[in-house]
C-alpha atoms as a PDB file:
ATOM      1  CA  MET A   1      41.764 -20.903   7.038  1.00  0.00           C
ATOM      2  CA  SER A   2      41.599 -22.346  10.001  1.00  0.00           C
ATOM      3  CA  THR A   3      40.498 -22.726  13.625  1.00  0.00           C
ATOM      4  CA  PRO A   4      42.939 -20.165  14.942  1.00  0.00           C
ATOM      5  CA  SER A   5      42.182 -17.644  12.603  1.00  0.00           C
ATOM      6  CA  ILE A   6      38.931 -17.035  14.174  1.00  0.00           C
ATOM      7  CA  ALA A   7      39.892 -16.675  17.406  1.00  0.00           C
ATOM      8  CA  ALA A   8      42.956 -14.229  16.056  1.00  0.00           C
ATOM      9  CA  GLY A   9      40.152 -12.421  13.986  1.00  0.00           C
ATOM     10  CA  ALA A  10      37.968 -12.240  17.024  1.00  0.00           C
ATOM     11  CA  TYR A  11      40.957 -11.035  19.112  1.00  0.00           C
ATOM     12  CA  ARG A  12      41.922  -8.458  16.761  1.00  0.00           C
ATOM     13  CA  MET A  13      38.512  -7.267  17.001  1.00  0.00           C
ATOM     14  CA  THR A  14      38.380  -6.958  21.044  1.00  0.00           C
ATOM     15  CA  SER A  15      41.526  -5.513  20.966  1.00  0.00           C
ATOM     16  CA  ALA A  16      40.431  -2.782  18.594  1.00  0.00           C
ATOM     17  CA  LEU A  17      36.900  -1.938  20.536  1.00  0.00           C
ATOM     18  CA  ALA A  18      39.276  -1.843  23.760  1.00  0.00           C
ATOM     19  CA  GLY A  19      41.433   0.498  22.384  1.00  0.00           C
ATOM     20  CA  ALA A  20      44.673  -2.035  23.120  1.00  0.00           C
ATOM     21  CA  ASN A  21      45.205  -2.354  19.635  1.00  0.00           C
ATOM     22  CA  GLN A  22      47.459   0.789  18.654  1.00  0.00           C
ATOM     23  CA  ASP A  23      46.940   0.091  14.879  1.00  0.00           C
ATOM     24  CA  MET A  24      43.462   0.761  14.794  1.00  0.00           C
ATOM     25  CA  LYS A  25      43.253   3.776  16.639  1.00  0.00           C
ATOM     26  CA  VAL A  26      42.270   6.821  14.869  1.00  0.00           C
ATOM     27  CA  GLN A  27      44.002  10.254  15.658  1.00  0.00           C
ATOM     28  CA  THR A  28      41.699  12.890  15.867  1.00  0.00           C
ATOM     29  CA  PRO A  29      43.055  16.473  14.817  1.00  0.00           C
ATOM     30  CA  ALA A  30      41.432  18.327  17.974  1.00  0.00           C
ATOM     31  CA  THR A  31      42.637  16.180  20.831  1.00  0.00           C
ATOM     32  CA  GLY A  32      45.461  14.109  19.467  1.00  0.00           C
ATOM     33  CA  GLY A  33      43.231  10.903  20.719  1.00  0.00           C
ATOM     34  CA  ALA A  34      41.567   8.134  20.126  1.00  0.00           C
ATOM     35  CA  ASP A  35      38.104   8.731  18.562  1.00  0.00           C
ATOM     36  CA  PHE A  36      35.309   6.503  19.744  1.00  0.00           C
ATOM     37  CA  ALA A  37      33.111   7.272  17.378  1.00  0.00           C
ATOM     38  CA  ASN A  38      36.145   6.248  14.324  1.00  0.00           C
ATOM     39  CA  MET A  39      36.944   3.319  16.197  1.00  0.00           C
ATOM     40  CA  VAL A  40      33.202   1.860  16.583  1.00  0.00           C
ATOM     41  CA  LYS A  41      33.278   2.797  12.602  1.00  0.00           C
ATOM     42  CA  SER A  42      35.864   0.731  11.894  1.00  0.00           C
ATOM     43  CA  ALA A  43      34.850  -2.071  13.856  1.00  0.00           C
ATOM     44  CA  VAL A  44      31.727  -2.423  12.199  1.00  0.00           C
ATOM     45  CA  GLU A  45      33.009  -2.061   8.740  1.00  0.00           C
ATOM     46  CA  THR A  46      35.588  -4.925   9.671  1.00  0.00           C
ATOM     47  CA  VAL A  47      32.023  -6.924  10.541  1.00  0.00           C
ATOM     48  CA  VAL A  48      30.280  -5.988   7.313  1.00  0.00           C
ATOM     49  CA  ASP A  49      33.669  -6.837   5.234  1.00  0.00           C
ATOM     50  CA  GLN A  50      33.983 -10.319   7.039  1.00  0.00           C
ATOM     51  CA  GLY A  51      30.260 -10.687   6.129  1.00  0.00           C
ATOM     52  CA  ALA A  52      30.810  -9.677   2.270  1.00  0.00           C
ATOM     53  CA  LYS A  53      33.844 -12.626   2.130  1.00  0.00           C
ATOM     54  CA  SER A  54      31.186 -14.777   3.707  1.00  0.00           C
ATOM     55  CA  ASP A  55      28.732 -13.993   0.876  1.00  0.00           C
ATOM     56  CA  ALA A  56      31.239 -14.056  -1.563  1.00  0.00           C
ATOM     57  CA  GLN A  57      32.448 -17.689  -0.499  1.00  0.00           C
ATOM     58  CA  ALA A  58      28.479 -18.948  -0.454  1.00  0.00           C
ATOM     59  CA  LEU A  59      28.142 -17.773  -4.105  1.00  0.00           C
ATOM     60  CA  ALA A  60      31.495 -19.111  -5.412  1.00  0.00           C
ATOM     61  CA  MET A  61      30.559 -22.327  -3.749  1.00  0.00           C
ATOM     62  CA  THR A  62      27.205 -22.346  -5.741  1.00  0.00           C
ATOM     63  CA  GLN A  63      29.194 -22.032  -8.952  1.00  0.00           C
ATOM     64  CA  GLY A  64      31.266 -24.904  -8.089  1.00  0.00           C
ATOM     65  CA  LYS A  65      34.364 -22.435  -7.275  1.00  0.00           C
ATOM     66  CA  ALA A  66      34.792 -22.953  -3.514  1.00  0.00           C
ATOM     67  CA  ASN A  67      34.776 -25.886  -0.864  1.00  0.00           C
ATOM     68  CA  VAL A  68      32.287 -26.187   1.533  1.00  0.00           C
ATOM     69  CA  VAL A  69      34.893 -25.789   4.722  1.00  0.00           C
ATOM     70  CA  ASP A  70      35.884 -22.689   3.382  1.00  0.00           C
ATOM     71  CA  VAL A  71      32.614 -21.443   3.024  1.00  0.00           C
ATOM     72  CA  VAL A  72      31.598 -22.708   6.672  1.00  0.00           C
ATOM     73  CA  THR A  73      34.778 -21.295   7.792  1.00  0.00           C
ATOM     74  CA  ALA A  74      33.979 -17.736   6.483  1.00  0.00           C
ATOM     75  CA  VAL A  75      30.205 -18.149   7.676  1.00  0.00           C
ATOM     76  CA  ALA A  76      32.081 -19.070  11.271  1.00  0.00           C
ATOM     77  CA  GLU A  77      34.286 -16.099  11.502  1.00  0.00           C
ATOM     78  CA  THR A  78      31.565 -14.065  10.333  1.00  0.00           C
ATOM     79  CA  GLU A  79      29.418 -15.428  13.471  1.00  0.00           C
ATOM     80  CA  VAL A  80      32.532 -14.645  15.815  1.00  0.00           C
ATOM     81  CA  ALA A  81      32.968 -11.297  14.523  1.00  0.00           C
ATOM     82  CA  MET A  82      29.349 -10.188  15.031  1.00  0.00           C
ATOM     83  CA  GLU A  83      29.071 -11.699  18.457  1.00  0.00           C
ATOM     84  CA  THR A  84      31.960  -9.969  19.491  1.00  0.00           C
ATOM     85  CA  LEU A  85      30.339  -6.428  18.019  1.00  0.00           C
ATOM     86  CA  VAL A  86      26.967  -7.203  19.704  1.00  0.00           C
ATOM     87  CA  SER A  87      28.586  -7.858  23.110  1.00  0.00           C
ATOM     88  CA  VAL A  88      30.439  -4.918  22.756  1.00  0.00           C
ATOM     89  CA  ARG A  89      27.216  -2.620  22.038  1.00  0.00           C
ATOM     90  CA  ASP A  90      25.472  -4.383  25.071  1.00  0.00           C
ATOM     91  CA  ARG A  91      28.514  -3.198  27.013  1.00  0.00           C
ATOM     92  CA  VAL A  92      28.194   0.505  25.820  1.00  0.00           C
ATOM     93  CA  ILE A  93      24.651   0.589  26.330  1.00  0.00           C
ATOM     94  CA  SER A  94      24.614  -0.783  29.903  1.00  0.00           C
ATOM     95  CA  ALA A  95      27.496   1.671  30.525  1.00  0.00           C
ATOM     96  CA  TYR A  96      25.292   4.888  29.053  1.00  0.00           C
ATOM     97  CA  GLN A  97      22.225   3.626  31.300  1.00  0.00           C
ATOM     98  CA  GLU A  98      24.372   3.476  34.050  1.00  0.00           C
ATOM     99  CA  ILE A  99      25.562   7.029  33.444  1.00  0.00           C
ATOM    100  CA  MET A 100      21.867   8.135  32.988  1.00  0.00           C
ATOM    101  CA  ARG A 101      20.977   6.985  36.200  1.00  0.00           C
ATOM    102  CA  MET A 102      23.702   8.526  38.218  1.00  0.00           C
ATOM    103  CA  PRO A 103      22.257  11.681  40.374  1.00  0.00           C
ATOM    104  CA  ILE A 104      23.285  14.808  39.339  1.00  0.00           C
END
């Protein structure tokens, strides 16, 4: 894994969260559009999977089966994915607070 894969992973995640990635859209039976809750769930599952890969690499290194570079790359990819998710979460909370401040 190299630096471009980190950037590509971050781009895929932000695209999926923004709804630009058609492969990540989940169709709801009632509306036929993308379901925001399923999209967020998918993004969180992606971050969890990335964390599991990072943990697996760390365990493999302790057993002498993995290279330090692979572990550092996996941890960096997890960090980027987590930072992206937190950034999107902050934007959603900000948008919610803005809507709640609107006069009725």
